[in-house]
Amino acid sequence: MAKLMSDETKLQLARELGVEHIVRREGWGGVSSRNCGNLVRLAIQKAEQAMAQKR
């Protein structure tokens, strides 16, 4: 299966949401479901913004 996001991109999103310390300490399994949803929402928002800028 192909990666949709690089590990660095995911870590950057985690940093923006203030959960990077959890990822570094416990791995992605330690991030709550709510925060995972917030990470996905932020990733989609950034992708939409990038697409809009290309137009």
N, C-alpha and C. Protein backbone atom coordinates (compact mmCIF):
# COMPACT_ATOMS: atom_id res chain seq x y z
N MET A 1 0.84 -1.18 0.00
CA MET A 1 0.00 0.00 0.00
C MET A 1 0.89 1.25 0.00
N ALA A 2 0.57 2.19 -0.83
CA ALA A 2 1.35 3.42 -0.94
C ALA A 2 1.04 4.36 0.22
N LYS A 3 2.06 5.08 0.65
CA LYS A 3 1.86 6.08 1.71
C LYS A 3 1.19 7.31 1.13
N LEU A 4 0.22 7.82 1.84
CA LEU A 4 -0.45 9.03 1.40
C LEU A 4 0.24 10.28 1.95
N MET A 5 0.85 10.13 3.11
CA MET A 5 1.56 11.24 3.75
C MET A 5 2.89 10.75 4.27
N SER A 6 3.89 11.58 4.17
CA SER A 6 5.19 11.21 4.72
C SER A 6 5.13 11.26 6.24
N ASP A 7 6.04 10.55 6.87
CA ASP A 7 6.11 10.57 8.32
C ASP A 7 6.39 11.98 8.83
N GLU A 8 7.22 12.72 8.10
CA GLU A 8 7.53 14.09 8.49
C GLU A 8 6.29 14.98 8.43
N THR A 9 5.45 14.79 7.41
CA THR A 9 4.21 15.57 7.31
C THR A 9 3.29 15.26 8.47
N LYS A 10 3.16 13.98 8.80
CA LYS A 10 2.30 13.60 9.93
C LYS A 10 2.82 14.19 11.24
N LEU A 11 4.13 14.17 11.41
CA LEU A 11 4.72 14.71 12.63
C LEU A 11 4.53 16.23 12.69
N GLN A 12 4.61 16.89 11.55
CA GLN A 12 4.37 18.33 11.50
C GLN A 12 2.93 18.65 11.90
N LEU A 13 1.98 17.87 11.41
CA LEU A 13 0.58 18.07 11.79
C LEU A 13 0.39 17.84 13.29
N ALA A 14 1.03 16.80 13.81
CA ALA A 14 0.95 16.52 15.24
C ALA A 14 1.52 17.68 16.04
N ARG A 15 2.60 18.27 15.55
CA ARG A 15 3.22 19.42 16.22
C ARG A 15 2.24 20.59 16.25
N GLU A 16 1.58 20.84 15.13
CA GLU A 16 0.63 21.95 15.05
C GLU A 16 -0.54 21.76 16.01
N LEU A 17 -0.93 20.51 16.23
CA LEU A 17 -2.06 20.25 17.12
C LEU A 17 -1.64 20.05 18.58
N GLY A 18 -0.33 20.09 18.82
CA GLY A 18 0.15 19.97 20.19
C GLY A 18 0.19 18.55 20.73
N VAL A 19 0.25 17.55 19.85
CA VAL A 19 0.31 16.16 20.31
C VAL A 19 1.61 15.46 19.91
N GLU A 20 2.58 16.23 19.43
CA GLU A 20 3.85 15.64 19.00
C GLU A 20 4.53 14.90 20.15
N HIS A 21 4.46 15.46 21.36
CA HIS A 21 5.10 14.81 22.50
C HIS A 21 4.51 13.42 22.76
N ILE A 22 3.22 13.26 22.52
CA ILE A 22 2.58 11.96 22.70
C ILE A 22 3.09 10.97 21.66
N VAL A 23 3.18 11.43 20.42
CA VAL A 23 3.66 10.57 19.33
C VAL A 23 5.09 10.13 19.61
N ARG A 24 5.92 11.04 20.04
CA ARG A 24 7.32 10.71 20.31
C ARG A 24 7.46 9.78 21.51
N ARG A 25 6.62 9.96 22.52
CA ARG A 25 6.70 9.15 23.74
C ARG A 25 6.04 7.78 23.59
N GLU A 26 4.84 7.75 22.97
CA GLU A 26 4.04 6.53 22.94
C GLU A 26 3.80 5.98 21.55
N GLY A 27 4.17 6.73 20.53
CA GLY A 27 3.85 6.32 19.17
C GLY A 27 2.45 6.78 18.81
N TRP A 28 2.04 6.49 17.57
CA TRP A 28 0.74 6.95 17.10
C TRP A 28 -0.41 6.28 17.85
N GLY A 29 -0.17 5.09 18.41
CA GLY A 29 -1.21 4.40 19.17
C GLY A 29 -1.60 5.13 20.44
N GLY A 30 -0.76 6.02 20.91
CA GLY A 30 -1.05 6.77 22.12
C GLY A 30 -1.90 8.01 21.89
N VAL A 31 -2.10 8.37 20.63
CA VAL A 31 -2.89 9.55 20.30
C VAL A 31 -4.37 9.19 20.36
N SER A 32 -5.15 10.01 21.03
CA SER A 32 -6.58 9.72 21.19
C SER A 32 -7.29 9.74 19.84
N SER A 33 -8.43 9.06 19.79
CA SER A 33 -9.23 9.03 18.58
C SER A 33 -9.65 10.43 18.16
N ARG A 34 -9.98 11.26 19.12
CA ARG A 34 -10.39 12.63 18.83
C ARG A 34 -9.24 13.39 18.16
N ASN A 35 -8.04 13.25 18.70
CA ASN A 35 -6.90 13.95 18.11
C ASN A 35 -6.52 13.37 16.76
N CYS A 36 -6.71 12.07 16.57
CA CYS A 36 -6.47 11.48 15.24
C CYS A 36 -7.44 12.08 14.23
N GLY A 37 -8.67 12.24 14.63
CA GLY A 37 -9.66 12.88 13.76
C GLY A 37 -9.27 14.31 13.45
N ASN A 38 -8.77 15.02 14.46
CA ASN A 38 -8.32 16.39 14.24
C ASN A 38 -7.13 16.43 13.29
N LEU A 39 -6.24 15.44 13.38
CA LEU A 39 -5.10 15.37 12.46
C LEU A 39 -5.57 15.17 11.03
N VAL A 40 -6.54 14.29 10.84
CA VAL A 40 -7.08 14.04 9.50
C VAL A 40 -7.76 15.30 8.97
N ARG A 41 -8.54 15.95 9.81
CA ARG A 41 -9.23 17.17 9.41
C ARG A 41 -8.23 18.25 8.99
N LEU A 42 -7.15 18.40 9.75
CA LEU A 42 -6.13 19.39 9.42
C LEU A 42 -5.42 19.03 8.12
N ALA A 43 -5.14 17.75 7.91
CA ALA A 43 -4.49 17.30 6.68
C ALA A 43 -5.37 17.61 5.46
N ILE A 44 -6.66 17.35 5.58
CA ILE A 44 -7.59 17.63 4.48
C ILE A 44 -7.66 19.13 4.22
N GLN A 45 -7.72 19.92 5.27
CA GLN A 45 -7.78 21.37 5.13
C GLN A 45 -6.53 21.89 4.40
N LYS A 46 -5.36 21.39 4.77
CA LYS A 46 -4.12 21.82 4.13
C LYS A 46 -4.07 21.38 2.67
N ALA A 47 -4.56 20.18 2.38
CA ALA A 47 -4.58 19.69 1.01
C ALA A 47 -5.51 20.54 0.14
N GLU A 48 -6.67 20.90 0.70
CA GLU A 48 -7.61 21.75 -0.03
C GLU A 48 -7.02 23.12 -0.30
N GLN A 49 -6.31 23.67 0.69
CA GLN A 49 -5.67 24.97 0.51
C GLN A 49 -4.60 24.91 -0.57
N ALA A 50 -3.82 23.83 -0.57
CA ALA A 50 -2.76 23.68 -1.58
C ALA A 50 -3.36 23.55 -2.98
N MET A 51 -4.47 22.83 -3.09
CA MET A 51 -5.12 22.69 -4.39
C MET A 51 -5.68 24.03 -4.87
N ALA A 52 -6.24 24.80 -3.94
CA ALA A 52 -6.82 26.09 -4.31
C ALA A 52 -5.74 27.06 -4.79
N GLN A 53 -4.56 26.97 -4.21
CA GLN A 53 -3.45 27.86 -4.59
C GLN A 53 -2.93 27.51 -5.99
N LYS A 54 -3.07 26.27 -6.40
CA LYS A 54 -2.59 25.85 -7.70
C LYS A 54 -3.49 26.31 -8.84
N ARG A 55 -4.71 26.68 -8.52
CA ARG A 55 -5.68 27.11 -9.55
C ARG A 55 -5.39 28.47 -10.06
